[in-house]
Amino acid sequence: MLFLKTLTHIIQLHPQHFGPRMRESLTQRLHEEVEGTCSGRFGYIISVVEVVDIGRGVLQTTTGFAEFRIIYKAIVFKPFKNQVVDGVVTTVNVMGFFADVGPLQVFVSKHSIPQYLKFEPNANPPAYIGEGQVRCALLPIV
């Protein structure tokens, strides 16, 4: 499920970036540091949509760096347990199969696969087959 969340992040900025372009440096660092990361609490951060507020920097006396608290809005992907999602099967084996669901890789155990689907290691590619039809198989993408 995709959500638009308001999140916070703290960035330490080197003194060489102080000056008229400090805001752009902070925004660029925010994108670099948070996009593509995963948090168990919020999910996978896909993209920063908007920087809501850049707090006042607090100078660190020991390093000379300034610490900024940034509030931003981001699109996050957080699937829930038992949620049905579309995915691309990447690996099929006797234990189950792996699939890519957006930025995440998920594993479906053989215990979660219906009993009428049986693993056929000799099929090309290996697949779970039932009632004469291939139900879950690794297919090449052209």
C-alpha atoms as a PDB file:
ATOM      1  CA  MET A   1       0.000   0.000   0.000  1.00  0.00           C
ATOM      2  CA  LEU A   2       1.310   3.464  -0.857  1.00  0.00           C
ATOM      3  CA  PHE A   3       0.975   6.337   1.606  1.00  0.00           C
ATOM      4  CA  LEU A   4       1.908  10.002   1.747  1.00  0.00           C
ATOM      5  CA  LYS A   5       3.579  10.449   5.138  1.00  0.00           C
ATOM      6  CA  THR A   6       5.071  13.434   6.950  1.00  0.00           C
ATOM      7  CA  LEU A   7       8.447  12.377   8.327  1.00  0.00           C
ATOM      8  CA  THR A   8      11.487  13.960   9.982  1.00  0.00           C
ATOM      9  CA  HIS A   9      15.189  13.460   9.375  1.00  0.00           C
ATOM     10  CA  ILE A  10      18.294  14.997  10.934  1.00  0.00           C
ATOM     11  CA  ILE A  11      21.158  16.001   8.658  1.00  0.00           C
ATOM     12  CA  GLN A  12      24.625  17.066   9.728  1.00  0.00           C
ATOM     13  CA  LEU A  13      26.011  19.611   7.275  1.00  0.00           C
ATOM     14  CA  HIS A  14      29.720  20.276   6.784  1.00  0.00           C
ATOM     15  CA  PRO A  15      30.791  23.952   7.148  1.00  0.00           C
ATOM     16  CA  GLN A  16      31.885  24.093   3.495  1.00  0.00           C
ATOM     17  CA  HIS A  17      28.180  24.017   2.546  1.00  0.00           C
ATOM     18  CA  PHE A  18      27.270  27.045   4.702  1.00  0.00           C
ATOM     19  CA  GLY A  19      26.255  30.019   2.604  1.00  0.00           C
ATOM     20  CA  PRO A  20      23.624  31.120   0.091  1.00  0.00           C
ATOM     21  CA  ARG A  21      23.095  27.590  -1.343  1.00  0.00           C
ATOM     22  CA  MET A  22      22.741  25.851   2.017  1.00  0.00           C
ATOM     23  CA  ARG A  23      19.039  25.113   1.491  1.00  0.00           C
ATOM     24  CA  GLU A  24      19.744  23.368  -1.831  1.00  0.00           C
ATOM     25  CA  SER A  25      22.553  21.349  -0.205  1.00  0.00           C
ATOM     26  CA  LEU A  26      20.227  20.225   2.586  1.00  0.00           C
ATOM     27  CA  THR A  27      17.473  19.265   0.151  1.00  0.00           C
ATOM     28  CA  GLN A  28      19.899  17.301  -2.024  1.00  0.00           C
ATOM     29  CA  ARG A  29      21.355  15.492   1.006  1.00  0.00           C
ATOM     30  CA  LEU A  30      17.823  14.659   2.204  1.00  0.00           C
ATOM     31  CA  HIS A  31      17.002  13.008  -1.125  1.00  0.00           C
ATOM     32  CA  GLU A  32      20.290  11.083  -1.121  1.00  0.00           C
ATOM     33  CA  GLU A  33      19.968   9.882   2.480  1.00  0.00           C
ATOM     34  CA  VAL A  34      16.308   8.844   2.686  1.00  0.00           C
ATOM     35  CA  GLU A  35      15.100   7.802  -0.778  1.00  0.00           C
ATOM     36  CA  GLY A  36      15.436   4.074  -1.217  1.00  0.00           C
ATOM     37  CA  THR A  37      15.724   3.315   2.501  1.00  0.00           C
ATOM     38  CA  CYS A  38      13.450   1.044   4.470  1.00  0.00           C
ATOM     39  CA  SER A  39      12.102   1.575   7.965  1.00  0.00           C
ATOM     40  CA  GLY A  40      10.117  -1.047   9.833  1.00  0.00           C
ATOM     41  CA  ARG A  41       7.881   1.661  11.234  1.00  0.00           C
ATOM     42  CA  PHE A  42       7.093   3.633   8.071  1.00  0.00           C
ATOM     43  CA  GLY A  43       7.969   1.265   5.218  1.00  0.00           C
ATOM     44  CA  TYR A  44      10.080   1.752   2.111  1.00  0.00           C
ATOM     45  CA  ILE A  45      10.632   5.430   1.252  1.00  0.00           C
ATOM     46  CA  ILE A  46      10.137   5.706  -2.489  1.00  0.00           C
ATOM     47  CA  SER A  47      10.399   9.461  -3.037  1.00  0.00           C
ATOM     48  CA  VAL A  48      10.572  12.765  -1.183  1.00  0.00           C
ATOM     49  CA  VAL A  49       7.675  14.870  -2.467  1.00  0.00           C
ATOM     50  CA  GLU A  50       8.065  18.109  -0.517  1.00  0.00           C
ATOM     51  CA  VAL A  51      10.316  19.662   2.096  1.00  0.00           C
ATOM     52  CA  VAL A  52       7.891  21.146   4.647  1.00  0.00           C
ATOM     53  CA  ASP A  53      10.363  22.780   7.041  1.00  0.00           C
ATOM     54  CA  ILE A  54      14.086  23.045   7.592  1.00  0.00           C
ATOM     55  CA  GLY A  55      14.725  23.804  11.242  1.00  0.00           C
ATOM     56  CA  ARG A  56      17.331  26.135  12.621  1.00  0.00           C
ATOM     57  CA  GLY A  57      20.764  24.570  12.526  1.00  0.00           C
ATOM     58  CA  VAL A  58      22.482  23.734  15.795  1.00  0.00           C
ATOM     59  CA  LEU A  59      26.255  24.090  15.627  1.00  0.00           C
ATOM     60  CA  GLN A  60      28.200  21.130  16.998  1.00  0.00           C
ATOM     61  CA  THR A  61      31.117  22.636  18.946  1.00  0.00           C
ATOM     62  CA  THR A  62      33.331  19.554  18.666  1.00  0.00           C
ATOM     63  CA  THR A  63      33.093  19.065  14.883  1.00  0.00           C
ATOM     64  CA  GLY A  64      31.944  22.400  13.441  1.00  0.00           C
ATOM     65  CA  PHE A  65      29.080  20.645  11.644  1.00  0.00           C
ATOM     66  CA  ALA A  66      25.566  22.077  11.863  1.00  0.00           C
ATOM     67  CA  GLU A  67      22.671  19.734  12.653  1.00  0.00           C
ATOM     68  CA  PHE A  68      19.349  20.434  10.938  1.00  0.00           C
ATOM     69  CA  ARG A  69      15.990  18.814  11.662  1.00  0.00           C
ATOM     70  CA  ILE A  70      14.051  18.532   8.398  1.00  0.00           C
ATOM     71  CA  ILE A  71      10.329  17.823   8.133  1.00  0.00           C
ATOM     72  CA  TYR A  72       9.312  16.430   4.750  1.00  0.00           C
ATOM     73  CA  LYS A  73       6.536  14.567   2.949  1.00  0.00           C
ATOM     74  CA  ALA A  74       7.359  11.309   1.220  1.00  0.00           C
ATOM     75  CA  ILE A  75       5.631   8.526  -0.661  1.00  0.00           C
ATOM     76  CA  VAL A  76       6.159   5.292   1.277  1.00  0.00           C
ATOM     77  CA  PHE A  77       5.360   1.693   0.390  1.00  0.00           C
ATOM     78  CA  LYS A  78       4.238  -0.428   3.331  1.00  0.00           C
ATOM     79  CA  PRO A  79       2.514  -3.716   2.576  1.00  0.00           C
ATOM     80  CA  PHE A  80       0.444  -5.337   5.321  1.00  0.00           C
ATOM     81  CA  LYS A  81       0.285  -8.968   6.349  1.00  0.00           C
ATOM     82  CA  ASN A  82      -2.043 -10.972   4.049  1.00  0.00           C
ATOM     83  CA  GLN A  83      -2.322  -8.049   1.617  1.00  0.00           C
ATOM     84  CA  VAL A  84      -2.626  -9.165  -2.017  1.00  0.00           C
ATOM     85  CA  VAL A  85       0.010  -7.523  -4.222  1.00  0.00           C
ATOM     86  CA  ASP A  86       1.251  -7.955  -7.790  1.00  0.00           C
ATOM     87  CA  GLY A  87       4.755  -9.317  -8.139  1.00  0.00           C
ATOM     88  CA  VAL A  88       7.228 -10.812 -10.571  1.00  0.00           C
ATOM     89  CA  VAL A  89       8.404 -14.321  -9.648  1.00  0.00           C
ATOM     90  CA  THR A  90      12.207 -14.442  -9.660  1.00  0.00           C
ATOM     91  CA  THR A  91      13.052 -17.831  -8.090  1.00  0.00           C
ATOM     92  CA  VAL A  92      11.061 -21.037  -7.651  1.00  0.00           C
ATOM     93  CA  ASN A  93      12.344 -23.884  -5.470  1.00  0.00           C
ATOM     94  CA  VAL A  94      11.075 -26.741  -3.294  1.00  0.00           C
ATOM     95  CA  MET A  95      10.726 -24.420  -0.261  1.00  0.00           C
ATOM     96  CA  GLY A  96       8.497 -21.895  -2.073  1.00  0.00           C
ATOM     97  CA  PHE A  97       9.170 -18.945  -4.359  1.00  0.00           C
ATOM     98  CA  PHE A  98      10.633 -15.437  -4.311  1.00  0.00           C
ATOM     99  CA  ALA A  99       8.936 -12.524  -6.043  1.00  0.00           C
ATOM    100  CA  ASP A 100       9.772  -8.860  -6.530  1.00  0.00           C
ATOM    101  CA  VAL A 101       6.948  -6.588  -5.365  1.00  0.00           C
ATOM    102  CA  GLY A 102       8.008  -3.085  -6.274  1.00  0.00           C
ATOM    103  CA  PRO A 103      11.173  -2.362  -4.295  1.00  0.00           C
ATOM    104  CA  LEU A 104      10.725  -5.360  -1.983  1.00  0.00           C
ATOM    105  CA  GLN A 105      11.564  -9.023  -2.411  1.00  0.00           C
ATOM    106  CA  VAL A 106       9.035 -11.369  -0.797  1.00  0.00           C
ATOM    107  CA  PHE A 107       9.141 -15.089  -0.091  1.00  0.00           C
ATOM    108  CA  VAL A 108       6.038 -17.284  -0.237  1.00  0.00           C
ATOM    109  CA  SER A 109       6.563 -20.503   1.692  1.00  0.00           C
ATOM    110  CA  LYS A 110       5.318 -23.838   0.353  1.00  0.00           C
ATOM    111  CA  HIS A 111       3.078 -23.925   3.438  1.00  0.00           C
ATOM    112  CA  SER A 112       1.220 -20.884   2.067  1.00  0.00           C
ATOM    113  CA  ILE A 113       0.811 -22.384  -1.412  1.00  0.00           C
ATOM    114  CA  PRO A 114      -2.425 -24.382  -1.929  1.00  0.00           C
ATOM    115  CA  GLN A 115      -2.069 -28.175  -1.583  1.00  0.00           C
ATOM    116  CA  TYR A 116      -3.219 -28.899  -5.144  1.00  0.00           C
ATOM    117  CA  LEU A 117      -0.119 -27.093  -6.506  1.00  0.00           C
ATOM    118  CA  LYS A 118       2.888 -29.427  -6.505  1.00  0.00           C
ATOM    119  CA  PHE A 119       6.513 -28.499  -7.061  1.00  0.00           C
ATOM    120  CA  GLU A 120       7.909 -29.885 -10.315  1.00  0.00           C
ATOM    121  CA  PRO A 121      11.726 -29.564 -10.308  1.00  0.00           C
ATOM    122  CA  ASN A 122      11.996 -31.151 -13.762  1.00  0.00           C
ATOM    123  CA  ALA A 123       9.761 -28.579 -15.415  1.00  0.00           C
ATOM    124  CA  ASN A 124      11.591 -25.982 -17.463  1.00  0.00           C
ATOM    125  CA  PRO A 125      11.646 -23.574 -15.662  1.00  0.00           C
ATOM    126  CA  PRO A 126      10.887 -25.185 -12.261  1.00  0.00           C
ATOM    127  CA  ALA A 127       7.300 -24.441 -11.269  1.00  0.00           C
ATOM    128  CA  TYR A 128       4.374 -25.223  -9.002  1.00  0.00           C
ATOM    129  CA  ILE A 129       1.896 -27.064 -11.230  1.00  0.00           C
ATOM    130  CA  GLY A 130      -1.671 -28.072 -10.539  1.00  0.00           C
ATOM    131  CA  GLU A 131      -4.653 -29.345 -12.536  1.00  0.00           C
ATOM    132  CA  GLY A 132      -2.605 -29.389 -15.729  1.00  0.00           C
ATOM    133  CA  GLN A 133      -1.788 -25.684 -15.671  1.00  0.00           C
ATOM    134  CA  VAL A 134       1.322 -23.812 -14.615  1.00  0.00           C
ATOM    135  CA  ARG A 135       0.363 -21.627 -11.656  1.00  0.00           C
ATOM    136  CA  CYS A 136       3.667 -20.253 -10.475  1.00  0.00           C
ATOM    137  CA  ALA A 137       6.779 -20.244 -12.628  1.00  0.00           C
ATOM    138  CA  LEU A 138       9.800 -18.140 -13.431  1.00  0.00           C
ATOM    139  CA  LEU A 139       9.310 -16.586 -16.852  1.00  0.00           C
ATOM    140  CA  PRO A 140      11.877 -14.589 -18.835  1.00  0.00           C
ATOM    141  CA  ILE A 141      11.074 -10.905 -19.320  1.00  0.00           C
ATOM    142  CA  VAL A 142      11.741  -9.582 -22.804  1.00  0.00           C
END
